[in-house]
C-alpha atoms as a PDB file:
ATOM      1  CA  ASP A   1     128.316 116.278  96.785  1.00  0.00           C
ATOM      2  CA  ALA A   2     125.093 115.800  98.742  1.00  0.00           C
ATOM      3  CA  ALA A   3     122.928 117.283  96.004  1.00  0.00           C
ATOM      4  CA  ALA A   4     124.303 114.924  93.344  1.00  0.00           C
ATOM      5  CA  GLY A   5     124.511 111.953  95.700  1.00  0.00           C
ATOM      6  CA  THR A   6     128.152 111.270  94.854  1.00  0.00           C
ATOM      7  CA  VAL A   7     131.445 110.929  96.713  1.00  0.00           C
ATOM      8  CA  THR A   8     134.663 111.926  94.924  1.00  0.00           C
ATOM      9  CA  ILE A   9     137.954 110.393  96.037  1.00  0.00           C
ATOM     10  CA  ALA A  10     140.620 112.964  95.193  1.00  0.00           C
ATOM     11  CA  SER A  11     143.677 111.014  96.321  1.00  0.00           C
ATOM     12  CA  PHE A  12     144.854 107.937  98.180  1.00  0.00           C
ATOM     13  CA  LEU A  13     147.097 107.941 101.220  1.00  0.00           C
ATOM     14  CA  ASP A  14     149.798 105.362 101.775  1.00  0.00           C
ATOM     15  CA  GLY A  15     148.990 103.006 104.596  1.00  0.00           C
ATOM     16  CA  LEU A  16     145.284 103.902 104.684  1.00  0.00           C
ATOM     17  CA  ASP A  17     143.037 100.922 105.293  1.00  0.00           C
ATOM     18  CA  ASP A  18     139.509 100.684 103.930  1.00  0.00           C
ATOM     19  CA  PRO A  19     137.775 103.933 104.906  1.00  0.00           C
ATOM     20  CA  SER A  20     134.933 103.873 107.373  1.00  0.00           C
ATOM     21  CA  THR A  21     131.570 104.600 105.752  1.00  0.00           C
ATOM     22  CA  PHE A  22     129.339 104.297 108.798  1.00  0.00           C
ATOM     23  CA  GLN A  23     128.553 106.285 111.908  1.00  0.00           C
ATOM     24  CA  ASN A  24     127.003 105.702 115.323  1.00  0.00           C
ATOM     25  CA  GLY A  25     128.400 102.204 115.629  1.00  0.00           C
ATOM     26  CA  MET A  26     126.167 100.658 112.920  1.00  0.00           C
ATOM     27  CA  PRO A  27     128.292  99.001 110.237  1.00  0.00           C
ATOM     28  CA  GLU A  28     125.098  97.402 108.932  1.00  0.00           C
ATOM     29  CA  LEU A  29     124.200 100.813 107.483  1.00  0.00           C
ATOM     30  CA  ALA A  30     127.506 101.482 105.742  1.00  0.00           C
ATOM     31  CA  ALA A  31     127.377 103.499 102.527  1.00  0.00           C
ATOM     32  CA  GLU A  32     128.274 102.013  99.153  1.00  0.00           C
ATOM     33  CA  VAL A  33     131.339 103.273  97.291  1.00  0.00           C
ATOM     34  CA  ALA A  34     131.662 102.403  93.594  1.00  0.00           C
ATOM     35  CA  SER A  35     133.869 103.388  90.693  1.00  0.00           C
ATOM     36  CA  MET A  36     131.836 105.165  88.020  1.00  0.00           C
ATOM     37  CA  ASN A  37     134.379 104.753  85.223  1.00  0.00           C
ATOM     38  CA  ARG A  38     135.655 101.925  83.040  1.00  0.00           C
ATOM     39  CA  PRO A  39     138.587 101.910  80.581  1.00  0.00           C
ATOM     40  CA  ILE A  40     136.230 101.259  77.649  1.00  0.00           C
ATOM     41  CA  LYS A  41     133.421 103.770  77.280  1.00  0.00           C
ATOM     42  CA  PHE A  42     130.415 103.987  74.982  1.00  0.00           C
ATOM     43  CA  GLU A  43     128.668 107.353  74.976  1.00  0.00           C
ATOM     44  CA  SER A  44     125.721 108.485  72.894  1.00  0.00           C
ATOM     45  CA  SER A  45     124.117 111.836  72.211  1.00  0.00           C
ATOM     46  CA  HIS A  46     120.982 110.332  70.644  1.00  0.00           C
ATOM     47  CA  GLY A  47     120.147 107.348  72.834  1.00  0.00           C
ATOM     48  CA  ALA A  48     122.024 104.357  71.417  1.00  0.00           C
ATOM     49  CA  HIS A  49     121.217 100.878  72.683  1.00  0.00           C
ATOM     50  CA  ILE A  50     122.849  97.440  72.893  1.00  0.00           C
ATOM     51  CA  ILE A  51     120.604  94.474  72.069  1.00  0.00           C
ATOM     52  CA  ILE A  52     121.452  90.766  72.080  1.00  0.00           C
ATOM     53  CA  PHE A  53     118.670  89.364  69.950  1.00  0.00           C
ATOM     54  CA  HIS A  54     117.511  85.800  69.163  1.00  0.00           C
ATOM     55  CA  THR A  55     120.737  84.002  70.012  1.00  0.00           C
ATOM     56  CA  PRO A  56     119.660  80.817  71.840  1.00  0.00           C
ATOM     57  CA  HIS A  57     122.447  78.584  73.198  1.00  0.00           C
ATOM     58  CA  VAL A  58     125.105  81.148  72.251  1.00  0.00           C
ATOM     59  CA  ILE A  59     127.271  82.431  75.120  1.00  0.00           C
ATOM     60  CA  GLN A  60     127.378  86.227  75.088  1.00  0.00           C
ATOM     61  CA  LYS A  61     129.388  88.443  77.421  1.00  0.00           C
ATOM     62  CA  VAL A  62     129.269  92.185  78.080  1.00  0.00           C
ATOM     63  CA  GLU A  63     131.983  92.978  80.624  1.00  0.00           C
ATOM     64  CA  GLY A  64     133.931  95.939  81.950  1.00  0.00           C
ATOM     65  CA  VAL A  65     132.484  98.794  79.899  1.00  0.00           C
ATOM     66  CA  GLU A  66     131.027 102.185  80.763  1.00  0.00           C
ATOM     67  CA  ILE A  67     127.784 103.128  79.012  1.00  0.00           C
ATOM     68  CA  GLN A  68     126.470 106.683  79.195  1.00  0.00           C
ATOM     69  CA  HIS A  69     123.363 108.380  77.784  1.00  0.00           C
ATOM     70  CA  PHE A  70     122.059 105.155  76.208  1.00  0.00           C
ATOM     71  CA  GLY A  71     118.391 104.189  75.891  1.00  0.00           C
ATOM     72  CA  GLN A  72     115.593 105.795  73.887  1.00  0.00           C
ATOM     73  CA  GLN A  73     112.828 107.027  76.146  1.00  0.00           C
ATOM     74  CA  GLY A  74     109.339 106.128  75.000  1.00  0.00           C
ATOM     75  CA  ILE A  75     110.451 103.454  72.483  1.00  0.00           C
ATOM     76  CA  LEU A  76     109.849  99.899  73.647  1.00  0.00           C
ATOM     77  CA  GLY A  77     112.939  97.683  73.615  1.00  0.00           C
ATOM     78  CA  ARG A  78     115.521 100.463  73.417  1.00  0.00           C
ATOM     79  CA  TYR A  79     117.614 100.009  76.561  1.00  0.00           C
ATOM     80  CA  PRO A  80     121.331 100.344  77.417  1.00  0.00           C
ATOM     81  CA  ILE A  81     121.866  96.548  77.684  1.00  0.00           C
ATOM     82  CA  HIS A  82     119.097  94.221  76.539  1.00  0.00           C
ATOM     83  CA  PHE A  83     118.896  90.442  76.139  1.00  0.00           C
ATOM     84  CA  LEU A  84     115.812  89.799  73.965  1.00  0.00           C
ATOM     85  CA  HIS A  85     114.047  86.498  73.180  1.00  0.00           C
ATOM     86  CA  SER A  86     117.233  84.479  73.255  1.00  0.00           C
ATOM     87  CA  GLY A  87     115.962  81.461  75.164  1.00  0.00           C
ATOM     88  CA  ASN A  88     118.518  79.600  77.258  1.00  0.00           C
ATOM     89  CA  VAL A  89     121.927  81.286  77.060  1.00  0.00           C
ATOM     90  CA  ALA A  90     123.649  79.554  79.988  1.00  0.00           C
ATOM     91  CA  GLY A  91     127.166  80.905  80.421  1.00  0.00           C
ATOM     92  CA  SER A  92     126.248  84.408  79.245  1.00  0.00           C
ATOM     93  CA  MET A  93     127.258  87.277  81.519  1.00  0.00           C
ATOM     94  CA  ILE A  94     126.670  90.965  82.027  1.00  0.00           C
ATOM     95  CA  ARG A  95     129.240  91.927  84.631  1.00  0.00           C
ATOM     96  CA  LYS A  96     131.403  94.747  85.967  1.00  0.00           C
ATOM     97  CA  ASN A  97     129.770  97.396  83.763  1.00  0.00           C
ATOM     98  CA  VAL A  98     128.644 100.933  84.574  1.00  0.00           C
ATOM     99  CA  VAL A  99     125.405 102.333  83.155  1.00  0.00           C
ATOM    100  CA  ARG A 100     125.153 106.084  83.697  1.00  0.00           C
ATOM    101  CA  ASP A 101     122.520 108.678  82.867  1.00  0.00           C
ATOM    102  CA  SER A 102     120.302 106.199  81.056  1.00  0.00           C
ATOM    103  CA  ASN A 103     117.323 107.587  79.167  1.00  0.00           C
ATOM    104  CA  GLN A 104     115.335 104.380  79.646  1.00  0.00           C
ATOM    105  CA  ARG A 105     116.014 101.508  82.036  1.00  0.00           C
ATOM    106  CA  CYS A 106     119.434  99.905  82.613  1.00  0.00           C
ATOM    107  CA  ILE A 107     119.941  96.146  82.214  1.00  0.00           C
ATOM    108  CA  VAL A 108     116.949  94.257  80.817  1.00  0.00           C
ATOM    109  CA  VAL A 109     116.481  90.498  80.451  1.00  0.00           C
ATOM    110  CA  HIS A 110     113.452  89.700  78.265  1.00  0.00           C
ATOM    111  CA  GLY A 111     112.364  86.263  77.145  1.00  0.00           C
ATOM    112  CA  THR A 112     115.834  84.967  78.011  1.00  0.00           C
ATOM    113  CA  ASP A 113     117.001  82.471  80.621  1.00  0.00           C
ATOM    114  CA  ALA A 114     120.193  81.726  82.555  1.00  0.00           C
ATOM    115  CA  VAL A 115     121.951  85.103  82.208  1.00  0.00           C
ATOM    116  CA  TYR A 116     124.389  85.994  84.996  1.00  0.00           C
ATOM    117  CA  VAL A 117     124.120  89.711  85.870  1.00  0.00           C
ATOM    118  CA  GLU A 118     126.858  90.527  88.376  1.00  0.00           C
ATOM    119  CA  ASN A 119     128.784  93.460  89.855  1.00  0.00           C
ATOM    120  CA  ASN A 120     127.223  96.150  87.684  1.00  0.00           C
ATOM    121  CA  VAL A 121     126.643  99.761  88.723  1.00  0.00           C
ATOM    122  CA  ALA A 122     123.712 101.802  87.438  1.00  0.00           C
ATOM    123  CA  PHE A 123     123.419 105.478  88.346  1.00  0.00           C
ATOM    124  CA  ASN A 124     120.938 108.220  87.467  1.00  0.00           C
ATOM    125  CA  SER A 125     118.564 106.295  85.226  1.00  0.00           C
ATOM    126  CA  LEU A 126     114.951 106.755  84.084  1.00  0.00           C
ATOM    127  CA  GLY A 127     112.341 104.027  84.581  1.00  0.00           C
ATOM    128  CA  HIS A 128     112.849 100.587  86.109  1.00  0.00           C
ATOM    129  CA  CYS A 129     116.525  99.707  86.147  1.00  0.00           C
ATOM    130  CA  PHE A 130     117.487  96.021  86.592  1.00  0.00           C
ATOM    131  CA  ILE A 131     114.556  94.017  85.265  1.00  0.00           C
ATOM    132  CA  THR A 132     113.044  90.852  83.880  1.00  0.00           C
ATOM    133  CA  GLU A 133     110.588  92.261  81.408  1.00  0.00           C
ATOM    134  CA  ASP A 134     107.516  90.100  80.894  1.00  0.00           C
ATOM    135  CA  GLY A 135     107.542  87.453  83.632  1.00  0.00           C
ATOM    136  CA  SER A 136     108.537  84.505  81.453  1.00  0.00           C
ATOM    137  CA  GLU A 137     112.232  84.631  82.381  1.00  0.00           C
ATOM    138  CA  ILE A 138     113.733  81.879  84.551  1.00  0.00           C
ATOM    139  CA  ASP A 139     117.104  80.826  85.997  1.00  0.00           C
ATOM    140  CA  ASN A 140     118.703  84.267  85.713  1.00  0.00           C
ATOM    141  CA  THR A 141     120.946  85.501  88.518  1.00  0.00           C
ATOM    142  CA  PHE A 142     121.296  89.112  89.671  1.00  0.00           C
ATOM    143  CA  LYS A 143     124.210  89.267  92.087  1.00  0.00           C
ATOM    144  CA  ASP A 144     126.090  92.133  93.784  1.00  0.00           C
ATOM    145  CA  ASN A 145     124.647  94.867  91.578  1.00  0.00           C
ATOM    146  CA  LEU A 146     124.234  98.467  92.735  1.00  0.00           C
ATOM    147  CA  GLY A 147     121.504 100.765  91.449  1.00  0.00           C
ATOM    148  CA  ALA A 148     121.283 104.359  92.674  1.00  0.00           C
ATOM    149  CA  LYS A 149     119.197 107.392  91.844  1.00  0.00           C
ATOM    150  CA  THR A 150     116.506 105.693  89.790  1.00  0.00           C
ATOM    151  CA  LYS A 151     113.996 108.254  88.525  1.00  0.00           C
ATOM    152  CA  SER A 152     110.502 108.263  87.109  1.00  0.00           C
ATOM    153  CA  GLN A 153     110.246 107.891  83.358  1.00  0.00           C
ATOM    154  CA  ILE A 154     108.355 110.781  81.762  1.00  0.00           C
ATOM    155  CA  THR A 155     107.322 109.163  78.469  1.00  0.00           C
ATOM    156  CA  SER A 156     105.485 105.877  79.038  1.00  0.00           C
ATOM    157  CA  ILE A 157     106.153 102.620  77.191  1.00  0.00           C
ATOM    158  CA  GLY A 158     103.020 101.040  78.616  1.00  0.00           C
ATOM    159  CA  ALA A 159     104.581  99.592  81.750  1.00  0.00           C
ATOM    160  CA  SER A 160     104.847 101.005  85.264  1.00  0.00           C
ATOM    161  CA  ASP A 161     108.116 102.917  84.810  1.00  0.00           C
ATOM    162  CA  ARG A 162     106.551 106.171  85.977  1.00  0.00           C
ATOM    163  CA  THR A 163     106.449 104.621  89.449  1.00  0.00           C
ATOM    164  CA  CYS A 164     109.981 103.359  89.041  1.00  0.00           C
ATOM    165  CA  SER A 165     111.868 100.723  90.987  1.00  0.00           C
ATOM    166  CA  THR A 166     115.563  99.967  90.847  1.00  0.00           C
ATOM    167  CA  PHE A 167     114.881  96.221  90.745  1.00  0.00           C
ATOM    168  CA  TRP A 168     111.632  95.295  88.967  1.00  0.00           C
ATOM    169  CA  VAL A 169     110.857  91.628  89.580  1.00  0.00           C
ATOM    170  CA  THR A 170     108.206  90.224  87.233  1.00  0.00           C
ATOM    171  CA  SER A 171     109.028  86.535  87.735  1.00  0.00           C
ATOM    172  CA  PRO A 172     110.086  84.853  90.983  1.00  0.00           C
ATOM    173  CA  ARG A 173     111.919  82.046  89.178  1.00  0.00           C
ATOM    174  CA  ASN A 174     115.248  83.864  89.330  1.00  0.00           C
ATOM    175  CA  SER A 175     117.934  84.525  91.950  1.00  0.00           C
ATOM    176  CA  TYR A 176     118.723  87.840  93.643  1.00  0.00           C
ATOM    177  CA  ILE A 177     121.773  87.901  95.900  1.00  0.00           C
ATOM    178  CA  GLY A 178     123.617  90.805  97.504  1.00  0.00           C
ATOM    179  CA  ASN A 179     122.113  93.625  95.430  1.00  0.00           C
ATOM    180  CA  VAL A 180     121.579  97.211  96.578  1.00  0.00           C
ATOM    181  CA  ALA A 181     118.842  99.670  95.601  1.00  0.00           C
ATOM    182  CA  ALA A 182     119.508 103.185  96.878  1.00  0.00           C
ATOM    183  CA  GLY A 183     117.883 106.558  96.349  1.00  0.00           C
ATOM    184  CA  SER A 184     115.030 105.640  94.007  1.00  0.00           C
ATOM    185  CA  GLN A 185     112.394 108.287  93.383  1.00  0.00           C
ATOM    186  CA  PHE A 186     109.789 105.618  94.193  1.00  0.00           C
ATOM    187  CA  SER A 187     110.627 102.043  95.324  1.00  0.00           C
ATOM    188  CA  GLY A 188     113.875 100.165  95.653  1.00  0.00           C
ATOM    189  CA  TRP A 189     112.410  96.735  94.825  1.00  0.00           C
ATOM    190  CA  TRP A 190     109.036  95.951  93.290  1.00  0.00           C
ATOM    191  CA  PHE A 191     107.585  92.469  92.923  1.00  0.00           C
ATOM    192  CA  GLU A 192     105.005  93.096  90.187  1.00  0.00           C
ATOM    193  CA  LEU A 193     104.384  89.591  88.902  1.00  0.00           C
ATOM    194  CA  LEU A 194     103.017  89.856  85.379  1.00  0.00           C
ATOM    195  CA  ARG A 195     102.031  86.264  84.638  1.00  0.00           C
ATOM    196  CA  GLY A 196      99.535  84.496  86.857  1.00  0.00           C
ATOM    197  CA  ASN A 197     101.181  81.110  86.459  1.00  0.00           C
ATOM    198  CA  THR A 198     104.515  82.388  87.777  1.00  0.00           C
ATOM    199  CA  SER A 199     103.157  83.735  91.062  1.00  0.00           C
ATOM    200  CA  GLY A 200     102.742  80.185  92.337  1.00  0.00           C
ATOM    201  CA  TYR A 201     106.493  79.577  92.386  1.00  0.00           C
ATOM    202  CA  PRO A 202     108.634  80.473  95.386  1.00  0.00           C
ATOM    203  CA  VAL A 203     111.466  82.822  94.522  1.00  0.00           C
ATOM    204  CA  THR A 204     114.473  80.751  93.518  1.00  0.00           C
ATOM    205  CA  GLU A 205     116.874  82.594  95.824  1.00  0.00           C
ATOM    206  CA  PHE A 206     116.565  85.942  97.564  1.00  0.00           C
ATOM    207  CA  HIS A 207     119.075  86.905 100.207  1.00  0.00           C
ATOM    208  CA  SER A 208     121.410  89.667 101.379  1.00  0.00           C
ATOM    209  CA  ASN A 209     119.610  92.317  99.330  1.00  0.00           C
ATOM    210  CA  VAL A 210     119.406  95.940 100.491  1.00  0.00           C
ATOM    211  CA  ALA A 211     117.040  98.864  99.972  1.00  0.00           C
ATOM    212  CA  HIS A 212     117.798 102.226 101.510  1.00  0.00           C
ATOM    213  CA  SER A 213     117.155 105.928 101.071  1.00  0.00           C
ATOM    214  CA  ASN A 214     114.313 105.345  98.607  1.00  0.00           C
ATOM    215  CA  SER A 215     111.507 107.905  98.562  1.00  0.00           C
ATOM    216  CA  ARG A 216     108.770 105.314  99.153  1.00  0.00           C
ATOM    217  CA  GLU A 217     109.051 101.605  99.901  1.00  0.00           C
ATOM    218  CA  GLY A 218     112.247  99.654 100.183  1.00  0.00           C
ATOM    219  CA  PHE A 219     110.587  96.388  99.071  1.00  0.00           C
ATOM    220  CA  ARG A 220     107.108  96.306  97.549  1.00  0.00           C
ATOM    221  CA  MET A 221     104.619  93.487  96.775  1.00  0.00           C
ATOM    222  CA  TYR A 222     101.786  95.292  94.959  1.00  0.00           C
ATOM    223  CA  PRO A 223      99.102  95.450  93.552  1.00  0.00           C
ATOM    224  CA  LYS A 224      98.481  91.733  92.906  1.00  0.00           C
ATOM    225  CA  GLY A 225     100.827  90.617  95.624  1.00  0.00           C
ATOM    226  CA  TYR A 226     102.749  87.359  95.711  1.00  0.00           C
ATOM    227  CA  GLN A 227     101.126  84.029  96.563  1.00  0.00           C
ATOM    228  CA  PRO A 228     103.519  81.113  96.058  1.00  0.00           C
ATOM    229  CA  SER A 229     102.173  77.608  96.554  1.00  0.00           C
ATOM    230  CA  SER A 230     104.961  76.869  99.031  1.00  0.00           C
ATOM    231  CA  PRO A 231     106.900  79.253 101.294  1.00  0.00           C
ATOM    232  CA  ALA A 232     109.129  81.830  99.632  1.00  0.00           C
ATOM    233  CA  TYR A 233     112.106  82.817 101.768  1.00  0.00           C
ATOM    234  CA  PHE A 234     113.548  86.323 101.984  1.00  0.00           C
ATOM    235  CA  ASP A 235     116.727  86.129 104.033  1.00  0.00           C
ATOM    236  CA  ASN A 236     119.196  88.654 105.436  1.00  0.00           C
ATOM    237  CA  MET A 237     117.427  91.653 103.929  1.00  0.00           C
ATOM    238  CA  LYS A 238     118.156  95.222 104.966  1.00  0.00           C
ATOM    239  CA  ALA A 239     115.726  98.104 104.549  1.00  0.00           C
ATOM    240  CA  TYR A 240     116.540 101.415 106.146  1.00  0.00           C
ATOM    241  CA  SER A 241     115.970 105.134 105.743  1.00  0.00           C
ATOM    242  CA  ASN A 242     113.179 104.626 103.229  1.00  0.00           C
ATOM    243  CA  GLY A 243     110.479 107.286 103.107  1.00  0.00           C
ATOM    244  CA  TRP A 244     107.524 104.936 103.601  1.00  0.00           C
ATOM    245  CA  GLN A 245     107.732 101.258 104.608  1.00  0.00           C
ATOM    246  CA  GLY A 246     110.795  99.096 104.694  1.00  0.00           C
ATOM    247  CA  MET A 247     108.617  96.387 103.137  1.00  0.00           C
ATOM    248  CA  PHE A 248     105.038  96.802 101.910  1.00  0.00           C
ATOM    249  CA  ILE A 249     103.073  93.583 101.378  1.00  0.00           C
ATOM    250  CA  LYS A 250      99.580  93.428  99.891  1.00  0.00           C
ATOM    251  CA  GLY A 251      97.540  90.454  98.722  1.00  0.00           C
ATOM    252  CA  SER A 252     100.344  88.050  99.577  1.00  0.00           C
ATOM    253  CA  GLN A 253     100.794  84.866 101.582  1.00  0.00           C
ATOM    254  CA  ARG A 254     103.366  82.230 102.492  1.00  0.00           C
ATOM    255  CA  LEU A 255     106.223  84.716 102.561  1.00  0.00           C
ATOM    256  CA  ARG A 256     108.979  84.129 105.110  1.00  0.00           C
ATOM    257  CA  VAL A 257     111.243  87.032 106.059  1.00  0.00           C
ATOM    258  CA  ARG A 258     114.191  85.816 108.149  1.00  0.00           C
ATOM    259  CA  ASN A 259     117.248  87.326 109.832  1.00  0.00           C
ATOM    260  CA  SER A 260     116.584  90.760 108.357  1.00  0.00           C
ATOM    261  CA  LEU A 261     117.043  94.369 109.464  1.00  0.00           C
ATOM    262  CA  PHE A 262     114.399  97.105 109.176  1.00  0.00           C
ATOM    263  CA  VAL A 263     115.303 100.430 110.734  1.00  0.00           C
ATOM    264  CA  ASN A 264     114.591 104.141 110.391  1.00  0.00           C
ATOM    265  CA  ASN A 265     111.877 103.777 107.767  1.00  0.00           C
ATOM    266  CA  GLY A 266     109.355 106.609 107.571  1.00  0.00           C
ATOM    267  CA  LYS A 267     106.104 104.727 108.263  1.00  0.00           C
ATOM    268  CA  SER A 268     106.966 101.221 109.435  1.00  0.00           C
ATOM    269  CA  GLY A 269     109.402  98.364 109.068  1.00  0.00           C
ATOM    270  CA  ILE A 270     106.968  95.879 107.494  1.00  0.00           C
ATOM    271  CA  SER A 271     103.360  96.637 106.587  1.00  0.00           C
ATOM    272  CA  ASP A 272     101.076  93.755 105.610  1.00  0.00           C
ATOM    273  CA  GLN A 273      98.068  93.675 103.265  1.00  0.00           C
ATOM    274  CA  ASN A 274      95.701  94.856 105.991  1.00  0.00           C
ATOM    275  CA  ALA A 275      97.938  97.849 106.732  1.00  0.00           C
ATOM    276  CA  ASN A 276      99.055  96.371 110.042  1.00  0.00           C
ATOM    277  CA  ALA A 277     102.446  97.844 110.790  1.00  0.00           C
ATOM    278  CA  TYR A 278     105.347  96.132 112.521  1.00  0.00           C
ATOM    279  CA  PRO A 279     108.278  98.085 113.939  1.00  0.00           C
END
């Protein structure tokens, strides 16, 4: 269904290998296919939310559930899955979940460190989707997550959710590996560093992340930019079929983009702070 942005698999054929999801000889641009259902489902008609609150040094796990119509738009802190002010929770995981039709954000880590966020799918959400909330968060890992069809939030909670991004990065002291941002109404990834003291750190790990089919930028460093004191490495990125730039950089320095693919973006592959464009 092109209008809905979904693919429905009606049946499986014996002997069929993994289906091809690319054309024109470019496997680098293969489409993502994800299951949108889980055996355990939580559904709300009035915007429920899950919050893990003030539990330092306690291992918490949210795994293998489907969450639909959660989040309370316009009310701060009311998100589908939310770690809040829990300090170091090493060993805690949010993995293999589906967040669908969220009213406000998707998976939020706030004032909490060392959470492992892996193999989650978020579809058709309002506001920023996978986020660290205030820039104080460190040692969290976002790995192999898929976010698609992120949309602008109508009722503000004082942040920048009206210009939504699927991955909103407010602190570089975390790891991002193998994630995909597809079909956002604005940007796929947005580095909007909220605390001045964090912008001096190089990103802990950032590789094999993808941004495609977003209305504006694939990856965005704006408005304050990113100025680490030592080089920050962005490896094996892919940005394609985005409406504006594959990567838009402003007010930034000491960034190293390596072994990455930028193709078929509306304005340019990479645009630097002086609006110089690179194919």
